[in-house]
Amino acid sequence: MTVTRIRAGWASAPPEVDVLVVGLGITGAGCALDAIGRGLSVLAVDSHDLAFGTSRWSSKLVHGGLRYLANGQVGVAHESAVERGILMEVTAPHLTHALPMLLPLDGAIGRRQATVLRAGIWAGDLLRAAARTSAETLPRPRRISATESRHLAPVLGAGVRGGILSWDGQLEDDARLVLTVARTAAGLGARLRTRLRAVELHGRGAVLRDELTGTTHEVRARAVINATGVWAGELVDDVDLRPSRGTHLVLRGDALPGLRVALTLPVPDQRNRFVNVVPQKEGSVYVGLTDVPVEGAVPDVPEPSEAEISFLVETTSAALARPLDRSDVVGAYAGLRPLLRADGHTSDLSRRHAVLTSSTGVVTVVGGKLTTYRRMAQDALDAVVRSTGLVAGPCTTARLPLVGAAPRTELARLAERLPSPRLVRRFGTDAGLVLAAARDASGLADDELLAPIADGLAVTLAELVFGVTHEGAHDVADLLDRRTRLGLVAVDRARAEPAARRALALARTTVR
């Protein structure tokens, strides 16, 4: 029988802990891992599911901070480069890889602007070196010819006179990173519960409502961390946010045939704004993103506007030989950035995070971005230890590999030996565990567990079963929208639902 510390509902959660974390996006999961790594007892809860909010709506990149450097945010840029290096070389090499990014130089970019952009990209490489990230992990940028540019990106228009090729970090998936951080924390003893909503929150605990049963439970804690992102101000009165919406498109690979690199396309008449066109491992392409201020109530799931979709289609098309059509867009998603309120456009607001302590003692960590989640969690726990006097060890997360992590050479050898390289890419050295757990839970043969669940969908039944037995998936939406990302394309999601229901039925008899 499989035991998991990630479960839905109250499920015998501890009534008293050292640290209660509210919110299980990347920041909350990071806080849970940091706290348990310091020797503190932890309960971390979310009213919905792991990676339900902003964390799953990113560009799926781990940025080195080039844009922040261009805006004069040197500290943020350096922090981003450092955290990118930690993710790619220490904590999550199995979930990250180097992404070649081409800035095409064409008629839309004058010689003077090209010089400025080239200088900026080389400055970004200095950030990489200052962060001590190896050039083997992220190669140095270089100027390339028109011929090489068209070889890497045959979709570009005829006016391309060359390009600048640079490298940044790409995630296997943002929600997968959240799940892996959560599993690491759970493996060290943290208790993680989804479908538990904080209805009252103060510095010494909370009242939690089980969203499955409607029952309420009181938890006492020596410290409480509010890591709910754009919803942080709903739980404490001392947080003033100005969210902005970032929208991405999802395209099939055949909309941009032959694309071997990501494209970085300047937005006309905008300083330091770009649209990124990012190919994914299994054929789709993400295009993003926008920056639109949002006022009023924060929705559970933000919706892209048609104006944003049109903007992304038109901006991308300007650089292509064959313009995109609205029919090329098979999916779209939007996330809300939890920016601290200040004057000016949301695109100019600092992405630096802040750690705030409310009048009742709740520590809120807000702002920042996915790449710097680990440092955000470290700063939040440092604040907790200072303010409460909790006896805790030092932060260990900068040198603590996440579950499944291994050197890239070892991962490559493992991918050659195992029947499913996809499992190695998504679970690292735990790929064998995924298959074994699915086999034990279902009694099915490996061939059936590793076969794609539908034509054209690479997801396997083994992943779905493991999502229930080891990752706390409670329903079809958990499996298709967060444990996998099939929900990004509605037609793919519909085709996958029978397999998700089957996985839930197979796995539930083995979970307690």
Protein backbone atom coordinates (compact mmCIF):
# COMPACT_ATOMS: atom_id res chain seq x y z
CA MET A 1 0.00 0.00 0.00
CA THR A 2 1.35 3.43 -0.97
CA VAL A 3 1.56 6.21 1.60
CA THR A 4 1.85 9.82 0.45
CA ARG A 5 2.22 12.97 2.50
CA ILE A 6 0.49 14.92 -0.28
CA ARG A 7 -3.24 14.42 0.11
CA ALA A 8 -6.57 16.15 -0.46
CA GLY A 9 -8.65 17.39 2.45
CA TRP A 10 -7.87 17.35 6.16
CA ALA A 11 -6.75 13.69 6.06
CA SER A 12 -5.34 13.60 9.62
CA ALA A 13 -3.29 16.75 9.17
CA PRO A 14 -1.37 17.70 12.33
CA PRO A 15 -3.23 20.18 14.57
CA GLU A 16 0.00 21.83 15.74
CA VAL A 17 3.21 22.57 13.81
CA ASP A 18 6.17 24.88 13.84
CA VAL A 19 5.32 26.42 10.45
CA LEU A 20 2.01 26.63 8.61
CA VAL A 21 2.37 27.57 4.93
CA VAL A 22 -0.74 28.76 3.07
CA GLY A 23 -0.49 28.40 -0.70
CA LEU A 24 1.09 25.60 -2.71
CA GLY A 25 2.36 27.28 -5.82
CA ILE A 26 6.10 27.36 -6.36
CA THR A 27 6.70 29.84 -3.51
CA GLY A 28 4.64 27.94 -0.96
CA ALA A 29 6.16 24.61 -1.97
CA GLY A 30 9.58 26.24 -1.71
CA CYS A 31 8.79 27.52 1.78
CA ALA A 32 7.66 24.06 2.88
CA LEU A 33 10.91 22.56 1.60
CA ASP A 34 13.07 25.25 3.20
CA ALA A 35 11.31 24.88 6.56
CA ILE A 36 11.47 21.09 6.70
CA GLY A 37 15.12 21.26 5.62
CA ARG A 38 15.85 23.44 8.66
CA GLY A 39 14.38 20.81 10.97
CA LEU A 40 10.98 22.47 11.54
CA SER A 41 7.66 20.65 11.43
CA VAL A 42 5.52 21.83 8.51
CA LEU A 43 1.94 21.79 7.31
CA ALA A 44 1.40 23.39 3.90
CA VAL A 45 -2.12 23.81 2.50
CA ASP A 46 -3.88 25.07 -0.59
CA SER A 47 -7.57 25.71 -1.18
CA HIS A 48 -7.35 24.10 -4.63
CA ASP A 49 -4.39 22.01 -5.79
CA LEU A 50 -0.65 22.12 -6.15
CA ALA A 51 0.39 24.61 -8.85
CA PHE A 52 -3.20 25.78 -9.27
CA GLY A 53 -2.40 29.50 -9.58
CA THR A 54 0.20 31.65 -11.29
CA SER A 55 2.99 29.06 -11.13
CA ARG A 56 1.52 26.97 -13.95
CA TRP A 57 0.92 29.89 -16.31
CA SER A 58 4.52 30.92 -16.99
CA SER A 59 6.63 30.80 -20.16
CA LYS A 60 8.20 27.58 -18.82
CA LEU A 61 11.60 29.30 -18.71
CA VAL A 62 14.19 29.93 -16.00
CA HIS A 63 15.35 33.40 -16.95
CA GLY A 64 18.77 34.84 -16.27
CA GLY A 65 17.45 38.34 -15.69
CA LEU A 66 18.44 40.09 -18.92
CA ARG A 67 15.24 42.14 -19.10
CA TYR A 68 15.67 43.31 -15.51
CA LEU A 69 19.23 44.37 -16.25
CA ALA A 70 17.96 46.44 -19.19
CA ASN A 71 15.50 48.15 -16.84
CA GLY A 72 18.25 49.00 -14.38
CA GLN A 73 17.21 46.33 -11.83
CA VAL A 74 20.75 45.02 -11.40
CA GLY A 75 20.09 43.26 -8.10
CA VAL A 76 17.09 41.40 -9.48
CA ALA A 77 19.03 40.45 -12.61
CA HIS A 78 21.94 39.06 -10.60
CA GLU A 79 19.63 37.16 -8.27
CA SER A 80 17.84 35.64 -11.27
CA ALA A 81 21.12 34.54 -12.84
CA VAL A 82 22.29 32.96 -9.58
CA GLU A 83 19.03 31.09 -9.04
CA ARG A 84 18.97 29.94 -12.67
CA GLY A 85 22.41 28.43 -12.18
CA ILE A 86 21.36 26.65 -8.99
CA LEU A 87 18.34 25.13 -10.74
CA MET A 88 20.25 24.02 -13.82
CA GLU A 89 23.40 22.73 -12.14
CA VAL A 90 22.43 21.60 -8.64
CA THR A 91 18.78 21.24 -7.72
CA ALA A 92 16.94 20.39 -10.96
CA PRO A 93 19.15 19.46 -13.92
CA HIS A 94 16.56 16.78 -14.77
CA LEU A 95 13.85 19.42 -15.25
CA THR A 96 15.91 22.06 -17.05
CA HIS A 97 17.98 22.37 -20.20
CA ALA A 98 19.72 25.05 -22.21
CA LEU A 99 17.47 26.77 -24.74
CA PRO A 100 18.99 28.45 -27.81
CA MET A 101 17.27 31.81 -28.41
CA LEU A 102 17.60 33.69 -31.67
CA LEU A 103 17.11 37.43 -31.96
CA PRO A 104 16.69 37.87 -35.73
CA LEU A 105 18.05 41.11 -37.19
CA ASP A 106 15.80 42.35 -39.96
CA GLY A 107 14.34 45.56 -41.32
CA ALA A 108 12.41 46.17 -38.10
CA ILE A 109 15.69 46.49 -36.16
CA GLY A 110 18.02 49.29 -37.18
CA ARG A 111 21.80 49.13 -36.89
CA ARG A 112 21.88 51.27 -33.77
CA GLN A 113 19.19 49.22 -32.03
CA ALA A 114 21.00 46.02 -33.04
CA THR A 115 24.14 47.31 -31.38
CA VAL A 116 22.26 48.07 -28.17
CA LEU A 117 20.58 44.66 -28.18
CA ARG A 118 23.88 42.90 -28.82
CA ALA A 119 25.48 44.74 -25.90
CA GLY A 120 22.59 43.75 -23.67
CA ILE A 121 22.87 40.08 -24.58
CA TRP A 122 26.61 40.11 -23.91
CA ALA A 123 25.90 41.80 -20.57
CA GLY A 124 23.57 38.90 -19.85
CA ASP A 125 26.48 36.53 -20.43
CA LEU A 126 28.49 38.50 -17.90
CA LEU A 127 25.64 37.84 -15.46
CA ARG A 128 25.96 34.13 -16.22
CA ALA A 129 29.70 34.24 -15.52
CA ALA A 130 29.22 36.29 -12.34
CA ALA A 131 26.70 33.70 -11.16
CA ARG A 132 29.35 31.01 -11.80
CA THR A 133 27.17 29.09 -14.22
CA SER A 134 29.32 27.02 -16.56
CA ALA A 135 29.50 27.84 -20.27
CA GLU A 136 28.92 24.11 -20.77
CA THR A 137 25.51 24.58 -19.14
CA LEU A 138 24.74 27.82 -20.98
CA PRO A 139 26.96 28.53 -24.00
CA ARG A 140 28.16 32.04 -24.72
CA PRO A 141 26.18 34.18 -27.20
CA ARG A 142 27.40 34.82 -30.73
CA ARG A 143 26.48 36.73 -33.87
CA ILE A 144 25.31 34.45 -36.71
CA SER A 145 24.81 34.95 -40.43
CA ALA A 146 21.57 35.21 -42.37
CA THR A 147 22.16 31.70 -43.72
CA GLU A 148 22.54 30.19 -40.25
CA SER A 149 19.57 32.18 -38.97
CA ARG A 150 17.34 30.72 -41.69
CA HIS A 151 18.72 27.24 -41.03
CA LEU A 152 17.74 27.48 -37.37
CA ALA A 153 14.45 29.24 -38.10
CA PRO A 154 13.24 28.60 -41.67
CA VAL A 155 10.00 30.42 -40.84
CA LEU A 156 11.71 33.84 -40.78
CA GLY A 157 10.96 36.41 -43.43
CA ALA A 158 13.24 37.24 -46.34
CA GLY A 159 14.57 40.44 -44.76
CA VAL A 160 16.72 38.70 -42.15
CA ARG A 161 20.34 39.88 -42.40
CA GLY A 162 21.63 37.77 -39.50
CA GLY A 163 20.92 37.26 -35.84
CA ILE A 164 22.22 37.05 -32.29
CA LEU A 165 22.14 33.56 -30.80
CA SER A 166 22.09 33.36 -27.01
CA TRP A 167 21.09 30.77 -24.42
CA ASP A 168 18.76 30.71 -21.43
CA GLY A 169 17.19 28.01 -19.29
CA GLN A 170 14.03 26.11 -20.22
CA LEU A 171 11.87 24.05 -17.88
CA GLU A 172 10.35 20.73 -18.75
CA ASP A 173 7.22 22.27 -17.23
CA ASP A 174 6.49 24.84 -14.54
CA ALA A 175 3.82 22.78 -12.76
CA ARG A 176 6.19 19.80 -12.84
CA LEU A 177 8.76 21.91 -10.96
CA VAL A 178 6.17 22.75 -8.29
CA LEU A 179 5.23 19.09 -7.93
CA THR A 180 8.87 18.06 -7.65
CA VAL A 181 9.62 20.65 -4.97
CA ALA A 182 6.49 19.49 -3.11
CA ARG A 183 7.48 15.82 -3.36
CA THR A 184 10.93 16.67 -2.06
CA ALA A 185 9.44 18.47 0.94
CA ALA A 186 7.00 15.63 1.57
CA GLY A 187 9.81 13.09 1.39
CA LEU A 188 11.60 14.94 4.18
CA GLY A 189 8.48 14.88 6.37
CA ALA A 190 6.41 17.95 5.47
CA ARG A 191 2.65 17.42 5.40
CA LEU A 192 1.01 18.87 2.28
CA ARG A 193 -2.76 19.11 1.95
CA THR A 194 -4.81 20.37 -0.98
CA ARG A 195 -8.50 21.37 -0.78
CA LEU A 196 -7.89 23.01 2.61
CA ARG A 197 -8.90 26.66 2.57
CA ALA A 198 -7.68 29.17 5.16
CA VAL A 199 -10.82 31.03 6.30
CA GLU A 200 -9.14 32.74 9.26
CA LEU A 201 -5.44 33.49 9.46
CA HIS A 202 -3.24 35.03 12.15
CA GLY A 203 0.34 34.81 13.29
CA ARG A 204 -0.23 31.80 15.51
CA GLY A 205 -2.40 29.60 13.34
CA ALA A 206 -5.48 29.38 11.19
CA VAL A 207 -8.94 27.99 10.79
CA LEU A 208 -8.99 25.69 7.77
CA ARG A 209 -12.04 24.45 5.91
CA ASP A 210 -11.94 21.08 4.20
CA GLU A 211 -13.37 21.84 0.77
CA LEU A 212 -14.31 18.18 0.28
CA THR A 213 -16.38 17.78 3.46
CA GLY A 214 -17.14 21.34 4.59
CA THR A 215 -15.72 20.66 8.06
CA THR A 216 -13.43 23.20 9.73
CA HIS A 217 -10.27 22.54 11.70
CA GLU A 218 -8.06 24.76 13.81
CA VAL A 219 -4.29 24.57 13.40
CA ARG A 220 -1.86 26.07 15.86
CA ALA A 221 1.51 27.16 14.54
CA ARG A 222 4.50 29.02 15.88
CA ALA A 223 4.78 30.79 12.53
CA VAL A 224 2.44 31.33 9.57
CA ILE A 225 3.57 32.10 6.02
CA ASN A 226 1.15 33.53 3.48
CA ALA A 227 2.39 32.38 0.06
CA THR A 228 -0.83 32.79 -1.89
CA GLY A 229 0.51 35.11 -4.58
CA VAL A 230 -2.13 37.34 -6.17
CA TRP A 231 -4.60 36.28 -3.45
CA ALA A 232 -2.28 37.34 -0.59
CA GLY A 233 -4.21 40.54 0.14
CA GLU A 234 -7.41 38.57 0.73
CA LEU A 235 -5.87 36.90 3.80
CA VAL A 236 -4.05 39.86 5.38
CA ASP A 237 -4.77 43.58 5.27
CA ASP A 238 -1.21 44.80 4.94
CA VAL A 239 -0.56 43.71 1.33
CA ASP A 240 -1.35 46.00 -1.60
CA LEU A 241 -0.91 44.33 -4.98
CA ARG A 242 -1.30 45.52 -8.53
CA PRO A 243 -1.60 42.32 -10.59
CA SER A 244 -0.86 42.20 -14.28
CA ARG A 245 -1.99 39.54 -16.73
CA GLY A 246 0.45 37.69 -18.95
CA THR A 247 -1.06 35.68 -21.82
CA HIS A 248 0.51 32.92 -23.90
CA LEU A 249 -0.63 31.13 -27.05
CA VAL A 250 -0.25 27.42 -27.76
CA LEU A 251 0.46 26.43 -31.38
CA ARG A 252 1.00 23.06 -33.02
CA GLY A 253 4.53 22.59 -34.30
CA ASP A 254 3.39 22.51 -37.93
CA ALA A 255 2.34 26.16 -37.65
CA LEU A 256 6.08 27.00 -37.51
CA PRO A 257 7.76 24.13 -39.39
CA GLY A 258 11.47 23.52 -38.96
CA LEU A 259 11.88 25.85 -35.96
CA ARG A 260 14.99 24.68 -34.04
CA VAL A 261 15.39 27.62 -31.67
CA ALA A 262 13.28 29.98 -29.63
CA LEU A 263 12.71 33.38 -31.23
CA THR A 264 13.03 36.66 -29.35
CA LEU A 265 11.03 39.29 -31.23
CA PRO A 266 11.05 42.98 -30.20
CA VAL A 267 7.65 44.60 -29.72
CA PRO A 268 7.41 47.63 -32.03
CA ASP A 269 7.67 51.01 -30.31
CA GLN A 270 8.26 49.39 -26.91
CA ARG A 271 11.52 49.63 -24.95
CA ASN A 272 12.79 46.31 -23.60
CA ARG A 273 9.64 44.37 -24.45
CA PHE A 274 9.80 41.18 -26.48
CA VAL A 275 7.59 38.32 -27.58
CA ASN A 276 9.15 34.88 -27.19
CA VAL A 277 8.30 31.98 -29.49
CA VAL A 278 9.39 28.84 -27.63
CA PRO A 279 9.31 25.31 -29.11
CA GLN A 280 8.54 22.52 -26.67
CA LYS A 281 10.04 19.04 -26.53
CA GLU A 282 7.02 17.23 -27.93
CA GLY A 283 6.07 19.51 -30.78
CA SER A 284 3.95 22.36 -29.50
CA VAL A 285 5.09 25.99 -29.43
CA TYR A 286 4.32 28.62 -26.78
CA VAL A 287 4.13 32.29 -27.75
CA GLY A 288 4.09 35.00 -25.10
CA LEU A 289 3.62 37.18 -23.38
CA THR A 290 1.50 40.22 -22.66
CA ASP A 291 1.47 42.65 -19.73
CA VAL A 292 -2.01 43.98 -19.00
CA PRO A 293 -2.98 45.66 -15.69
CA VAL A 294 -5.82 43.93 -13.85
CA GLU A 295 -8.23 45.59 -11.46
CA GLY A 296 -11.01 44.15 -9.35
CA ALA A 297 -11.56 40.67 -7.96
CA VAL A 298 -8.90 38.08 -8.72
CA PRO A 299 -10.34 35.12 -10.65
CA ASP A 300 -9.36 31.54 -9.85
CA VAL A 301 -8.40 30.96 -13.49
CA PRO A 302 -7.60 34.09 -15.54
CA GLU A 303 -8.83 34.20 -19.14
CA PRO A 304 -6.84 35.61 -22.07
CA SER A 305 -8.56 38.38 -23.98
CA GLU A 306 -9.01 38.32 -27.75
CA ALA A 307 -7.05 41.58 -27.90
CA GLU A 308 -4.04 39.89 -26.28
CA ILE A 309 -4.30 36.89 -28.59
CA SER A 310 -4.42 39.20 -31.61
CA PHE A 311 -1.43 41.20 -30.32
CA LEU A 312 0.69 38.05 -29.99
CA VAL A 313 -0.37 36.71 -33.39
CA GLU A 314 0.37 40.04 -35.12
CA THR A 315 3.68 40.70 -33.37
CA THR A 316 4.95 37.22 -34.19
CA SER A 317 3.68 37.32 -37.76
CA ALA A 318 5.63 40.49 -38.52
CA ALA A 319 8.86 38.46 -38.39
CA LEU A 320 7.63 35.44 -40.36
CA ALA A 321 7.57 34.54 -44.03
CA ARG A 322 4.06 33.13 -43.58
CA PRO A 323 1.96 35.10 -41.08
CA LEU A 324 0.12 33.18 -38.40
CA ASP A 325 -3.63 32.92 -38.55
CA ARG A 326 -6.05 32.88 -35.61
CA SER A 327 -6.83 29.27 -36.54
CA ASP A 328 -3.19 28.35 -35.76
CA VAL A 329 -3.90 29.06 -32.10
CA VAL A 330 -5.03 25.76 -30.54
CA GLY A 331 -4.88 26.99 -26.97
CA ALA A 332 -4.22 30.07 -24.86
CA TYR A 333 -3.58 30.62 -21.17
CA ALA A 334 -3.09 33.57 -18.85
CA GLY A 335 -1.54 34.10 -15.44
CA LEU A 336 -1.53 37.01 -13.01
CA ARG A 337 1.75 38.40 -11.72
CA PRO A 338 1.59 39.34 -8.01
CA LEU A 339 3.30 42.74 -8.34
CA LEU A 340 3.56 45.15 -5.44
CA ARG A 341 1.60 48.31 -6.15
CA ALA A 342 3.58 51.34 -7.30
CA ASP A 343 3.22 54.16 -9.76
CA GLY A 344 3.84 53.54 -13.46
CA HIS A 345 3.07 50.80 -15.95
CA THR A 346 2.95 47.21 -14.69
CA SER A 347 5.63 46.30 -17.25
CA ASP A 348 8.00 48.67 -15.39
CA LEU A 349 7.25 47.43 -11.87
CA SER A 350 10.10 45.64 -10.14
CA ARG A 351 10.01 41.84 -10.06
CA ARG A 352 11.90 41.94 -6.76
CA HIS A 353 10.09 40.01 -4.07
CA ALA A 354 9.17 41.33 -0.65
CA VAL A 355 8.71 39.70 2.74
CA LEU A 356 6.12 41.54 4.83
CA THR A 357 4.91 40.92 8.40
CA SER A 358 1.31 41.79 9.21
CA SER A 359 0.04 43.36 12.40
CA THR A 360 -1.05 39.90 13.56
CA GLY A 361 2.31 38.32 12.82
CA VAL A 362 1.62 36.60 9.48
CA VAL A 363 4.68 36.61 7.23
CA THR A 364 3.72 37.24 3.59
CA VAL A 365 6.12 36.61 0.72
CA VAL A 366 5.02 38.19 -2.54
CA GLY A 367 6.31 39.51 -5.83
CA GLY A 368 9.28 37.86 -7.48
CA LYS A 369 9.03 35.20 -10.15
CA LEU A 370 9.28 31.48 -10.66
CA THR A 371 13.04 31.41 -11.25
CA THR A 372 13.78 32.97 -7.86
CA TYR A 373 11.34 30.90 -5.80
CA ARG A 374 14.12 29.31 -3.75
CA ARG A 375 15.54 32.65 -2.64
CA MET A 376 12.04 33.95 -1.88
CA ALA A 377 11.45 30.97 0.39
CA GLN A 378 14.83 31.42 2.08
CA ASP A 379 14.11 35.07 2.84
CA ALA A 380 10.65 34.20 4.19
CA LEU A 381 12.03 31.52 6.52
CA ASP A 382 14.85 33.80 7.66
CA ALA A 383 12.20 36.36 8.62
CA VAL A 384 10.17 33.72 10.44
CA VAL A 385 13.16 32.52 12.46
CA ARG A 386 14.13 36.08 13.39
CA SER A 387 10.63 37.09 14.47
CA THR A 388 9.60 33.95 16.35
CA GLY A 389 12.81 32.67 17.87
CA LEU A 390 12.24 29.20 16.42
CA VAL A 391 15.30 27.01 16.81
CA ALA A 392 16.17 26.10 13.24
CA GLY A 393 19.14 25.07 11.19
CA PRO A 394 20.51 27.09 8.27
CA CYS A 395 18.93 27.11 4.82
CA THR A 396 20.04 24.05 2.82
CA THR A 397 18.04 24.41 -0.40
CA ALA A 398 20.83 25.90 -2.54
CA ARG A 399 22.66 22.57 -2.34
CA LEU A 400 19.73 20.17 -1.91
CA PRO A 401 18.91 18.31 -5.15
CA LEU A 402 15.20 17.84 -5.77
CA VAL A 403 13.88 14.30 -6.05
CA GLY A 404 15.02 12.73 -9.31
CA ALA A 405 17.97 15.09 -9.81
CA ALA A 406 21.29 13.78 -11.15
CA PRO A 407 24.14 15.00 -13.34
CA ARG A 408 23.15 15.33 -16.99
CA THR A 409 25.53 12.57 -18.06
CA GLU A 410 23.83 10.14 -15.68
CA LEU A 411 20.39 11.21 -16.88
CA ALA A 412 21.42 10.65 -20.48
CA ARG A 413 22.61 7.12 -19.71
CA LEU A 414 19.39 6.41 -17.83
CA ALA A 415 17.29 7.62 -20.76
CA GLU A 416 19.11 5.17 -23.01
CA ARG A 417 18.46 2.23 -20.67
CA LEU A 418 14.81 2.80 -19.77
CA PRO A 419 11.96 2.16 -22.22
CA SER A 420 10.56 5.70 -21.77
CA PRO A 421 12.96 8.66 -22.19
CA ARG A 422 9.94 10.90 -21.49
CA LEU A 423 9.76 9.62 -17.91
CA VAL A 424 13.44 10.43 -17.40
CA ARG A 425 12.87 13.94 -18.73
CA ARG A 426 9.97 14.54 -16.35
CA PHE A 427 11.03 12.54 -13.29
CA GLY A 428 14.79 12.09 -13.61
CA THR A 429 16.14 9.16 -11.63
CA ASP A 430 12.64 8.53 -10.27
CA ALA A 431 11.53 7.32 -13.71
CA GLY A 432 11.87 3.73 -12.57
CA LEU A 433 9.85 4.49 -9.43
CA VAL A 434 7.06 5.95 -11.56
CA LEU A 435 6.80 2.77 -13.60
CA ALA A 436 7.12 0.46 -10.58
CA ALA A 437 4.45 2.36 -8.61
CA ALA A 438 2.06 2.27 -11.57
CA ARG A 439 2.73 -1.43 -12.05
CA ASP A 440 2.06 -2.19 -8.37
CA ALA A 441 -1.10 -0.09 -8.28
CA SER A 442 -2.63 -1.35 -11.51
CA GLY A 443 -1.27 -4.84 -12.09
CA LEU A 444 -0.82 -3.90 -15.75
CA ALA A 445 2.11 -4.77 -17.98
CA ASP A 446 4.79 -2.20 -18.71
CA ASP A 447 3.86 -1.99 -22.39
CA GLU A 448 0.34 -0.84 -21.52
CA LEU A 449 1.54 1.56 -18.84
CA LEU A 450 4.09 3.21 -21.14
CA ALA A 451 1.96 3.44 -24.27
CA PRO A 452 0.62 6.92 -25.18
CA ILE A 453 -2.88 7.30 -23.76
CA ALA A 454 -4.22 8.43 -27.16
CA ASP A 455 -2.90 8.97 -30.67
CA GLY A 456 -0.74 12.07 -30.80
CA LEU A 457 -0.54 12.42 -27.00
CA ALA A 458 2.78 11.44 -25.42
CA VAL A 459 1.43 11.21 -21.85
CA THR A 460 1.42 7.66 -20.44
CA LEU A 461 -0.91 5.84 -18.07
CA ALA A 462 2.06 5.30 -15.74
CA GLU A 463 2.37 9.07 -15.20
CA LEU A 464 -1.32 9.42 -14.45
CA VAL A 465 -1.34 6.58 -11.92
CA PHE A 466 1.77 7.97 -10.23
CA GLY A 467 0.07 11.36 -10.08
CA VAL A 468 -2.52 9.80 -7.79
CA THR A 469 -0.32 7.49 -5.72
CA HIS A 470 2.60 9.87 -5.11
CA GLU A 471 1.58 13.40 -6.11
CA GLY A 472 -1.77 13.89 -4.43
CA ALA A 473 -3.96 14.13 -7.55
CA HIS A 474 -7.58 13.98 -6.50
CA ASP A 475 -9.55 14.26 -9.74
CA VAL A 476 -9.37 14.45 -13.53
CA ALA A 477 -8.52 18.17 -13.50
CA ASP A 478 -5.54 17.57 -11.21
CA LEU A 479 -4.18 14.98 -13.63
CA LEU A 480 -4.80 16.75 -16.93
CA ASP A 481 -4.33 20.39 -15.97
CA ARG A 482 -1.41 20.16 -13.52
CA ARG A 483 0.25 16.70 -13.28
CA THR A 484 0.33 16.83 -17.08
CA ARG A 485 -0.46 19.86 -19.23
CA LEU A 486 -2.93 18.31 -21.62
CA GLY A 487 -5.49 20.83 -20.44
CA LEU A 488 -3.70 23.61 -22.34
CA VAL A 489 -5.39 22.35 -25.53
CA ALA A 490 -9.10 21.62 -25.10
CA VAL A 491 -9.33 18.91 -27.76
CA ASP A 492 -6.34 17.07 -26.28
CA ARG A 493 -7.86 17.27 -22.82
CA ALA A 494 -11.14 15.77 -23.98
CA ARG A 495 -9.33 12.86 -25.62
CA ALA A 496 -7.33 12.20 -22.44
CA GLU A 497 -10.23 12.18 -19.97
CA PRO A 498 -11.01 8.43 -20.24
CA ALA A 499 -7.40 7.58 -19.38
CA ALA A 500 -7.43 9.99 -16.42
CA ARG A 501 -10.60 8.41 -15.04
CA ARG A 502 -9.07 4.97 -15.49
CA ALA A 503 -5.90 6.02 -13.63
CA LEU A 504 -7.93 7.35 -10.72
CA ALA A 505 -9.86 4.08 -10.48
CA LEU A 506 -6.70 1.98 -10.65
CA ALA A 507 -4.73 4.01 -8.11
CA ARG A 508 -7.27 4.83 -5.43
CA THR A 509 -7.39 1.29 -4.06
CA THR A 510 -3.69 1.57 -3.18
CA VAL A 511 -3.60 5.03 -1.56
CA ARG A 512 -4.28 5.69 2.07
